[in-house]
PDB file of N, CA and C in Angstrom:
ATOM      1  N   MET A   1      94.898   5.856  58.881  1.00  0.00           N
ATOM      2  CA  MET A   1      94.042   5.073  59.728  1.00  0.00           C
ATOM      3  C   MET A   1      92.607   5.607  59.625  1.00  0.00           C
ATOM      4  N   GLU A   2      91.698   4.724  59.293  1.00  0.00           N
ATOM      5  CA  GLU A   2      90.306   5.135  59.132  1.00  0.00           C
ATOM      6  C   GLU A   2      89.552   4.962  60.444  1.00  0.00           C
ATOM      7  N   THR A   3      88.733   5.925  60.717  1.00  0.00           N
ATOM      8  CA  THR A   3      87.870   5.810  61.891  1.00  0.00           C
ATOM      9  C   THR A   3      86.451   5.548  61.410  1.00  0.00           C
ATOM     10  N   THR A   4      85.803   4.646  62.065  1.00  0.00           N
ATOM     11  CA  THR A   4      84.423   4.350  61.691  1.00  0.00           C
ATOM     12  C   THR A   4      83.502   5.170  62.575  1.00  0.00           C
ATOM     13  N   ARG A   5      82.574   5.777  61.953  1.00  0.00           N
ATOM     14  CA  ARG A   5      81.610   6.605  62.680  1.00  0.00           C
ATOM     15  C   ARG A   5      80.331   5.821  62.868  1.00  0.00           C
ATOM     16  N   ARG A   6      79.813   5.914  64.071  1.00  0.00           N
ATOM     17  CA  ARG A   6      78.510   5.313  64.311  1.00  0.00           C
ATOM     18  C   ARG A   6      77.443   6.310  63.878  1.00  0.00           C
ATOM     19  N   PRO A   7      76.380   5.828  63.280  1.00  0.00           N
ATOM     20  CA  PRO A   7      75.328   6.773  62.863  1.00  0.00           C
ATOM     21  C   PRO A   7      74.662   7.415  64.078  1.00  0.00           C
ATOM     22  N   ARG A   8      74.387   8.686  63.954  1.00  0.00           N
ATOM     23  CA  ARG A   8      73.736   9.400  65.044  1.00  0.00           C
ATOM     24  C   ARG A   8      72.262   9.090  65.060  1.00  0.00           C
ATOM     25  N   ARG A   9      71.702   9.091  66.276  1.00  0.00           N
ATOM     26  CA  ARG A   9      70.261   8.896  66.398  1.00  0.00           C
ATOM     27  C   ARG A   9      69.562  10.156  65.934  1.00  0.00           C
ATOM     28  N   PRO A  10      68.465  10.002  65.227  1.00  0.00           N
ATOM     29  CA  PRO A  10      67.736  11.205  64.805  1.00  0.00           C
ATOM     30  C   PRO A  10      67.154  11.929  66.020  1.00  0.00           C
ATOM     31  N   ALA A  11      67.139  13.233  65.940  1.00  0.00           N
ATOM     32  CA  ALA A  11      66.598  14.038  67.036  1.00  0.00           C
ATOM     33  C   ALA A  11      65.091  13.814  67.140  1.00  0.00           C
ATOM     34  N   LEU A  12      64.645  13.637  68.349  1.00  0.00           N
ATOM     35  CA  LEU A  12      63.209  13.429  68.557  1.00  0.00           C
ATOM     36  C   LEU A  12      62.480  14.751  68.448  1.00  0.00           C
ATOM     37  N   LYS A  13      61.400  14.735  67.746  1.00  0.00           N
ATOM     38  CA  LYS A  13      60.606  15.950  67.608  1.00  0.00           C
ATOM     39  C   LYS A  13      59.699  16.073  68.815  1.00  0.00           C
ATOM     40  N   ARG A  14      59.735  17.202  69.459  1.00  0.00           N
ATOM     41  CA  ARG A  14      58.943  17.404  70.666  1.00  0.00           C
ATOM     42  C   ARG A  14      57.610  18.089  70.397  1.00  0.00           C
ATOM     43  N   ALA A  15      57.390  18.541  69.199  1.00  0.00           N
ATOM     44  CA  ALA A  15      56.155  19.254  68.901  1.00  0.00           C
ATOM     45  C   ALA A  15      54.910  18.395  69.100  1.00  0.00           C
ATOM     46  N   PRO A  16      54.883  17.144  68.622  1.00  0.00           N
ATOM     47  CA  PRO A  16      53.661  16.348  68.858  1.00  0.00           C
ATOM     48  C   PRO A  16      53.408  16.097  70.342  1.00  0.00           C
ATOM     49  N   ARG A  17      54.475  15.951  71.123  1.00  0.00           N
ATOM     50  CA  ARG A  17      54.297  15.715  72.555  1.00  0.00           C
ATOM     51  C   ARG A  17      53.676  16.943  73.218  1.00  0.00           C
ATOM     52  N   TRP A  18      54.159  18.134  72.876  1.00  0.00           N
ATOM     53  CA  TRP A  18      53.601  19.353  73.461  1.00  0.00           C
ATOM     54  C   TRP A  18      52.170  19.572  73.007  1.00  0.00           C
ATOM     55  N   THR A  19      51.872  19.211  71.774  1.00  0.00           N
ATOM     56  CA  THR A  19      50.504  19.363  71.273  1.00  0.00           C
ATOM     57  C   THR A  19      49.551  18.437  72.023  1.00  0.00           C
ATOM     58  N   LEU A  20      49.959  17.188  72.207  1.00  0.00           N
ATOM     59  CA  LEU A  20      49.106  16.255  72.950  1.00  0.00           C
ATOM     60  C   LEU A  20      48.954  16.668  74.404  1.00  0.00           C
ATOM     61  N   LEU A  21      50.013  17.232  74.975  1.00  0.00           N
ATOM     62  CA  LEU A  21      49.920  17.702  76.355  1.00  0.00           C
ATOM     63  C   LEU A  21      48.948  18.881  76.463  1.00  0.00           C
ATOM     64  N   ALA A  22      48.975  19.765  75.481  1.00  0.00           N
ATOM     65  CA  ALA A  22      48.023  20.876  75.472  1.00  0.00           C
ATOM     66  C   ALA A  22      46.592  20.382  75.318  1.00  0.00           C
ATOM     67  N   VAL A  23      46.392  19.373  74.477  1.00  0.00           N
ATOM     68  CA  VAL A  23      45.051  18.796  74.306  1.00  0.00           C
ATOM     69  C   VAL A  23      44.592  18.140  75.602  1.00  0.00           C
ATOM     70  N   ALA A  24      45.514  17.459  76.279  1.00  0.00           N
ATOM     71  CA  ALA A  24      45.160  16.791  77.532  1.00  0.00           C
ATOM     72  C   ALA A  24      44.756  17.812  78.593  1.00  0.00           C
ATOM     73  N   PHE A  25      45.540  18.862  78.741  1.00  0.00           N
ATOM     74  CA  PHE A  25      45.205  19.852  79.758  1.00  0.00           C
ATOM     75  C   PHE A  25      43.962  20.653  79.404  1.00  0.00           C
ATOM     76  N   SER A  26      43.726  20.862  78.115  1.00  0.00           N
ATOM     77  CA  SER A  26      42.486  21.555  77.750  1.00  0.00           C
ATOM     78  C   SER A  26      41.268  20.670  78.014  1.00  0.00           C
ATOM     79  N   SER A  27      41.412  19.357  77.832  1.00  0.00           N
ATOM     80  CA  SER A  27      40.271  18.487  78.142  1.00  0.00           C
ATOM     81  C   SER A  27      40.035  18.409  79.648  1.00  0.00           C
ATOM     82  N   VAL A  28      41.100  18.460  80.435  1.00  0.00           N
ATOM     83  CA  VAL A  28      40.921  18.500  81.891  1.00  0.00           C
ATOM     84  C   VAL A  28      40.221  19.798  82.291  1.00  0.00           C
ATOM     85  N   ALA A  29      40.640  20.905  81.714  1.00  0.00           N
ATOM     86  CA  ALA A  29      40.019  22.197  82.037  1.00  0.00           C
ATOM     87  C   ALA A  29      38.556  22.219  81.614  1.00  0.00           C
ATOM     88  N   THR A  30      38.270  21.679  80.452  1.00  0.00           N
ATOM     89  CA  THR A  30      36.882  21.624  79.990  1.00  0.00           C
ATOM     90  C   THR A  30      36.050  20.721  80.891  1.00  0.00           C
ATOM     91  N   GLY A  31      36.647  19.630  81.336  1.00  0.00           N
ATOM     92  CA  GLY A  31      35.932  18.733  82.245  1.00  0.00           C
ATOM     93  C   GLY A  31      35.677  19.363  83.599  1.00  0.00           C
ATOM     94  N   LEU A  32      36.555  20.281  84.017  1.00  0.00           N
ATOM     95  CA  LEU A  32      36.331  20.977  85.276  1.00  0.00           C
ATOM     96  C   LEU A  32      35.262  22.058  85.146  1.00  0.00           C
ATOM     97  N   VAL A  33      35.263  22.748  84.009  1.00  0.00           N
ATOM     98  CA  VAL A  33      34.260  23.805  83.800  1.00  0.00           C
ATOM     99  C   VAL A  33      32.867  23.183  83.637  1.00  0.00           C
ATOM    100  N   LEU A  34      32.777  22.196  82.766  1.00  0.00           N
ATOM    101  CA  LEU A  34      31.539  21.439  82.629  1.00  0.00           C
ATOM    102  C   LEU A  34      31.733  20.187  83.483  1.00  0.00           C
ATOM    103  N   PRO A  35      31.042  20.058  84.554  1.00  0.00           N
ATOM    104  CA  PRO A  35      31.327  18.945  85.468  1.00  0.00           C
ATOM    105  C   PRO A  35      31.105  17.588  84.788  1.00  0.00           C
ATOM    106  N   HIS A  36      32.155  17.130  84.125  1.00  0.00           N
ATOM    107  CA  HIS A  36      32.085  15.888  83.370  1.00  0.00           C
ATOM    108  C   HIS A  36      33.273  15.026  83.766  1.00  0.00           C
ATOM    109  N   THR A  37      33.026  14.023  84.572  1.00  0.00           N
ATOM    110  CA  THR A  37      34.085  13.217  85.165  1.00  0.00           C
ATOM    111  C   THR A  37      34.852  12.408  84.128  1.00  0.00           C
ATOM    112  N   LEU A  38      34.184  11.913  83.104  1.00  0.00           N
ATOM    113  CA  LEU A  38      34.853  11.112  82.094  1.00  0.00           C
ATOM    114  C   LEU A  38      35.859  11.946  81.294  1.00  0.00           C
ATOM    115  N   LEU A  39      35.531  13.193  81.033  1.00  0.00           N
ATOM    116  CA  LEU A  39      36.444  14.088  80.320  1.00  0.00           C
ATOM    117  C   LEU A  39      37.664  14.405  81.172  1.00  0.00           C
ATOM    118  N   ILE A  40      37.479  14.595  82.464  1.00  0.00           N
ATOM    119  CA  ILE A  40      38.605  14.833  83.370  1.00  0.00           C
ATOM    120  C   ILE A  40      39.504  13.601  83.408  1.00  0.00           C
ATOM    121  N   ALA A  41      38.903  12.434  83.527  1.00  0.00           N
ATOM    122  CA  ALA A  41      39.691  11.197  83.592  1.00  0.00           C
ATOM    123  C   ALA A  41      40.448  10.947  82.295  1.00  0.00           C
ATOM    124  N   ALA A  42      39.821  11.198  81.164  1.00  0.00           N
ATOM    125  CA  ALA A  42      40.499  10.999  79.887  1.00  0.00           C
ATOM    126  C   ALA A  42      41.649  11.980  79.702  1.00  0.00           C
ATOM    127  N   GLY A  43      41.468  13.217  80.150  1.00  0.00           N
ATOM    128  CA  GLY A  43      42.541  14.198  80.057  1.00  0.00           C
ATOM    129  C   GLY A  43      43.714  13.843  80.942  1.00  0.00           C
ATOM    130  N   LEU A  44      43.430  13.375  82.157  1.00  0.00           N
ATOM    131  CA  LEU A  44      44.509  12.973  83.050  1.00  0.00           C
ATOM    132  C   LEU A  44      45.246  11.740  82.528  1.00  0.00           C
ATOM    133  N   LEU A  45      44.508  10.813  81.951  1.00  0.00           N
ATOM    134  CA  LEU A  45      45.121   9.626  81.376  1.00  0.00           C
ATOM    135  C   LEU A  45      46.009   9.988  80.193  1.00  0.00           C
ATOM    136  N   LEU A  46      45.529  10.867  79.338  1.00  0.00           N
ATOM    137  CA  LEU A  46      46.321  11.302  78.185  1.00  0.00           C
ATOM    138  C   LEU A  46      47.565  12.055  78.622  1.00  0.00           C
ATOM    139  N   ALA A  47      47.432  12.914  79.636  1.00  0.00           N
ATOM    140  CA  ALA A  47      48.597  13.644  80.141  1.00  0.00           C
ATOM    141  C   ALA A  47      49.629  12.690  80.730  1.00  0.00           C
ATOM    142  N   GLY A  48      49.163  11.660  81.411  1.00  0.00           N
ATOM    143  CA  GLY A  48      50.092  10.679  81.966  1.00  0.00           C
ATOM    144  C   GLY A  48      50.791   9.872  80.890  1.00  0.00           C
ATOM    145  N   CYS A  49      50.089   9.531  79.831  1.00  0.00           N
ATOM    146  CA  CYS A  49      50.709   8.778  78.730  1.00  0.00           C
ATOM    147  C   CYS A  49      51.710   9.631  77.962  1.00  0.00           C
ATOM    148  N   VAL A  50      51.417  10.904  77.812  1.00  0.00           N
ATOM    149  CA  VAL A  50      52.333  11.794  77.091  1.00  0.00           C
ATOM    150  C   VAL A  50      53.585  12.049  77.923  1.00  0.00           C
ATOM    151  N   ALA A  51      53.451  12.074  79.227  1.00  0.00           N
ATOM    152  CA  ALA A  51      54.594  12.380  80.087  1.00  0.00           C
ATOM    153  C   ALA A  51      55.590  11.232  80.147  1.00  0.00           C
ATOM    154  N   LEU A  52      55.173  10.034  79.812  1.00  0.00           N
ATOM    155  CA  LEU A  52      56.103   8.906  79.811  1.00  0.00           C
ATOM    156  C   LEU A  52      57.110   9.066  78.674  1.00  0.00           C
ATOM    157  N   PRO A  53      58.330   8.612  78.867  1.00  0.00           N
ATOM    158  CA  PRO A  53      59.339   8.769  77.798  1.00  0.00           C
ATOM    159  C   PRO A  53      59.096   7.931  76.613  1.00  0.00           C
TER     160      PRO A  53
END
């Protein structure tokens, strides 16, 4: 009796997500050190987009 195997989903690489999260938090930190509201907003937006599944 043959069993059919379903193909496994490829493992998702988490490295790009962590890299983008680091870039987002560094831009937020830079925006806080240099009082630049647009940089803070862009960093928070990027962090929110990266956190979504």
